[in-house]
Every structure is written in structure tokens, then in C-alpha cells.
Amino acid sequence: MSSPFVYIAGAWSAPGVLYAIKIGISSDPGIRVKSLQTGCPMRLFLMTFLPVPIDQAPAEYEAKLHSTFKKDRIIGEWFRPSKPVLQWVLWNMEHADAS
């Protein structure tokens, strides 16, 4: 992987309990989530990732997504698993193979 991707990672506070969702940018989402796990007491999972649109700069696209879900921001790139956030995540998970 070399092109940037938007990755969506989930942090589980207990089995079956999704505590937070991270929306970030990386050229290798799997490695990025593994590196985040080192400093996180909760279990992290890469839920899905999608390419950054070719007509947008990665940082600007990421900022746009963060702004879209700003009401649900916990801190930084971490968001509550609210209905709008989960709907967006699930849609992207369902359509990940279609892109």
C-alpha cells in the first residue's frame, strides 16, 4: 500500500462493547492500527479502510470527515459510536469491496 487511505478503527472496552471509533489517514492502515495498540489499553480492530478521493488532499479529506462528526468527537480523531457515525462506518464496511 502506498496511496493514502482513510482507516476506521474501533476500540472495544469489553467484548461486544464498542467504546470509540478512530478516523485517520495512513498509507498502511493495518500497520497504523497495530502501532496505536501499543499505547491503548482497549483492544483495537481495523474495521475498514477506503481510498482518499483523488481530487482531495488526504489531510483536507480527513479534516472534512472529522468536521462531519464533530458533535460526536471524544478527543482528537476519536469519536463516539453514535448512530450517524455507525451508519457511515457500516456503509463503508459494506461497500469496501465494491471500490
C-alpha atoms as a PDB file:
ATOM      1  CA  MET A   1       0.000   0.000   0.000  1.00  0.00           C
ATOM      2  CA  SER A   2       1.351   3.404  -0.877  1.00  0.00           C
ATOM      3  CA  SER A   3      -1.622   5.659  -1.568  1.00  0.00           C
ATOM      4  CA  PRO A   4      -3.253   7.210   1.475  1.00  0.00           C
ATOM      5  CA  PHE A   5      -6.342   5.597   2.919  1.00  0.00           C
ATOM      6  CA  VAL A   6      -8.947   6.674   5.419  1.00  0.00           C
ATOM      7  CA  TYR A   7      -8.989   3.970   8.053  1.00  0.00           C
ATOM      8  CA  ILE A   8     -11.691   3.300  10.598  1.00  0.00           C
ATOM      9  CA  ALA A   9     -10.606   1.569  13.786  1.00  0.00           C
ATOM     10  CA  GLY A  10     -12.758   0.511  16.684  1.00  0.00           C
ATOM     11  CA  ALA A  11     -11.776   0.448  20.343  1.00  0.00           C
ATOM     12  CA  TRP A  12     -13.623  -2.119  22.448  1.00  0.00           C
ATOM     13  CA  SER A  13     -13.784  -1.554  26.212  1.00  0.00           C
ATOM     14  CA  ALA A  14     -15.160  -5.078  26.768  1.00  0.00           C
ATOM     15  CA  PRO A  15     -16.195  -7.934  24.472  1.00  0.00           C
ATOM     16  CA  GLY A  16     -19.062  -6.656  22.362  1.00  0.00           C
ATOM     17  CA  VAL A  17     -18.840  -3.096  23.744  1.00  0.00           C
ATOM     18  CA  LEU A  18     -17.629  -0.584  21.162  1.00  0.00           C
ATOM     19  CA  TYR A  19     -16.274   2.403  23.089  1.00  0.00           C
ATOM     20  CA  ALA A  20     -14.850   4.653  20.368  1.00  0.00           C
ATOM     21  CA  ILE A  21     -14.134   4.892  16.655  1.00  0.00           C
ATOM     22  CA  LYS A  22     -10.969   6.406  15.220  1.00  0.00           C
ATOM     23  CA  ILE A  23     -10.984   8.006  11.794  1.00  0.00           C
ATOM     24  CA  GLY A  24      -7.476   8.536  10.469  1.00  0.00           C
ATOM     25  CA  ILE A  25      -5.248   8.601   7.390  1.00  0.00           C
ATOM     26  CA  SER A  26      -2.445   6.153   6.637  1.00  0.00           C
ATOM     27  CA  SER A  27      -0.735   4.554   3.665  1.00  0.00           C
ATOM     28  CA  ASP A  28      -0.816   1.255   5.606  1.00  0.00           C
ATOM     29  CA  PRO A  29      -3.891   1.102   7.868  1.00  0.00           C
ATOM     30  CA  GLY A  30      -3.092  -2.328   9.301  1.00  0.00           C
ATOM     31  CA  ILE A  31       0.353  -1.282  10.488  1.00  0.00           C
ATOM     32  CA  ARG A  32      -1.038   2.019  11.785  1.00  0.00           C
ATOM     33  CA  VAL A  33      -3.665   0.317  13.952  1.00  0.00           C
ATOM     34  CA  LYS A  34      -1.064  -2.117  15.293  1.00  0.00           C
ATOM     35  CA  SER A  35       1.157   0.825  16.262  1.00  0.00           C
ATOM     36  CA  LEU A  36      -1.778   2.520  18.024  1.00  0.00           C
ATOM     37  CA  GLN A  37      -2.460  -0.637  20.039  1.00  0.00           C
ATOM     38  CA  THR A  38       0.820  -0.209  21.925  1.00  0.00           C
ATOM     39  CA  GLY A  39      -0.444   2.907  23.706  1.00  0.00           C
ATOM     40  CA  CYS A  40      -4.095   1.926  24.067  1.00  0.00           C
ATOM     41  CA  PRO A  41      -5.470  -0.148  26.959  1.00  0.00           C
ATOM     42  CA  MET A  42      -8.520  -1.171  24.896  1.00  0.00           C
ATOM     43  CA  ARG A  43      -8.464  -3.742  22.117  1.00  0.00           C
ATOM     44  CA  LEU A  44      -8.284  -2.051  18.707  1.00  0.00           C
ATOM     45  CA  PHE A  45      -9.522  -3.508  15.440  1.00  0.00           C
ATOM     46  CA  LEU A  46      -9.253  -2.212  11.897  1.00  0.00           C
ATOM     47  CA  MET A  47     -12.892  -2.102  10.852  1.00  0.00           C
ATOM     48  CA  THR A  48     -12.352  -0.979   7.249  1.00  0.00           C
ATOM     49  CA  PHE A  49     -10.443   1.471   5.093  1.00  0.00           C
ATOM     50  CA  LEU A  50     -11.165   3.365   1.901  1.00  0.00           C
ATOM     51  CA  PRO A  51      -9.058   5.286  -0.588  1.00  0.00           C
ATOM     52  CA  VAL A  52      -8.802   9.051  -0.327  1.00  0.00           C
ATOM     53  CA  PRO A  53     -10.598  10.582  -3.339  1.00  0.00           C
ATOM     54  CA  ILE A  54      -8.017  11.521  -5.992  1.00  0.00           C
ATOM     55  CA  ASP A  55      -9.331  15.078  -6.193  1.00  0.00           C
ATOM     56  CA  GLN A  56      -8.736  15.752  -2.463  1.00  0.00           C
ATOM     57  CA  ALA A  57      -5.631  16.167  -0.348  1.00  0.00           C
ATOM     58  CA  PRO A  58      -5.515  13.481   2.371  1.00  0.00           C
ATOM     59  CA  ALA A  59      -5.324  15.927   5.292  1.00  0.00           C
ATOM     60  CA  GLU A  60      -8.212  18.002   3.922  1.00  0.00           C
ATOM     61  CA  TYR A  61     -10.369  14.913   3.383  1.00  0.00           C
ATOM     62  CA  GLU A  62      -9.632  13.699   6.897  1.00  0.00           C
ATOM     63  CA  ALA A  63     -10.476  17.151   8.313  1.00  0.00           C
ATOM     64  CA  LYS A  64     -13.757  17.115   6.368  1.00  0.00           C
ATOM     65  CA  LEU A  65     -14.713  13.767   7.900  1.00  0.00           C
ATOM     66  CA  HIS A  66     -13.751  14.939  11.386  1.00  0.00           C
ATOM     67  CA  SER A  67     -15.858  18.067  10.884  1.00  0.00           C
ATOM     68  CA  THR A  68     -18.821  15.984   9.715  1.00  0.00           C
ATOM     69  CA  PHE A  69     -18.833  14.100  13.022  1.00  0.00           C
ATOM     70  CA  LYS A  70     -17.645  16.926  15.297  1.00  0.00           C
ATOM     71  CA  LYS A  71     -20.685  16.571  17.607  1.00  0.00           C
ATOM     72  CA  ASP A  72     -19.513  13.060  18.413  1.00  0.00           C
ATOM     73  CA  ARG A  73     -15.814  13.839  18.925  1.00  0.00           C
ATOM     74  CA  ILE A  74     -14.351  12.468  22.146  1.00  0.00           C
ATOM     75  CA  ILE A  75     -10.841  13.819  21.584  1.00  0.00           C
ATOM     76  CA  GLY A  76      -8.649  14.266  18.534  1.00  0.00           C
ATOM     77  CA  GLU A  77      -9.532  11.631  15.939  1.00  0.00           C
ATOM     78  CA  TRP A  78     -11.686   9.556  18.307  1.00  0.00           C
ATOM     79  CA  PHE A  79     -15.481   9.624  18.048  1.00  0.00           C
ATOM     80  CA  ARG A  80     -18.410   8.177  19.992  1.00  0.00           C
ATOM     81  CA  PRO A  81     -20.145   5.334  18.146  1.00  0.00           C
ATOM     82  CA  SER A  82     -23.288   7.415  17.663  1.00  0.00           C
ATOM     83  CA  LYS A  83     -25.966   6.465  15.154  1.00  0.00           C
ATOM     84  CA  PRO A  84     -24.607   8.802  12.393  1.00  0.00           C
ATOM     85  CA  VAL A  85     -21.021   7.616  12.897  1.00  0.00           C
ATOM     86  CA  LEU A  86     -22.031   3.936  12.966  1.00  0.00           C
ATOM     87  CA  GLN A  87     -24.213   4.319   9.873  1.00  0.00           C
ATOM     88  CA  TRP A  88     -21.275   5.845   7.980  1.00  0.00           C
ATOM     89  CA  VAL A  89     -18.891   3.129   9.225  1.00  0.00           C
ATOM     90  CA  LEU A  90     -21.290   0.291   8.368  1.00  0.00           C
ATOM     91  CA  TRP A  91     -21.975   1.726   4.909  1.00  0.00           C
ATOM     92  CA  ASN A  92     -18.232   1.853   4.234  1.00  0.00           C
ATOM     93  CA  MET A  93     -17.742  -1.665   5.577  1.00  0.00           C
ATOM     94  CA  GLU A  94     -20.488  -2.976   3.270  1.00  0.00           C
ATOM     95  CA  HIS A  95     -19.075  -1.151   0.237  1.00  0.00           C
ATOM     96  CA  ALA A  96     -15.351  -1.693   0.881  1.00  0.00           C
ATOM     97  CA  ASP A  97     -15.049  -4.474  -1.707  1.00  0.00           C
ATOM     98  CA  ALA A  98     -17.070  -2.538  -4.295  1.00  0.00           C
ATOM     99  CA  SER A  99     -14.476   0.241  -4.692  1.00  0.00           C
END
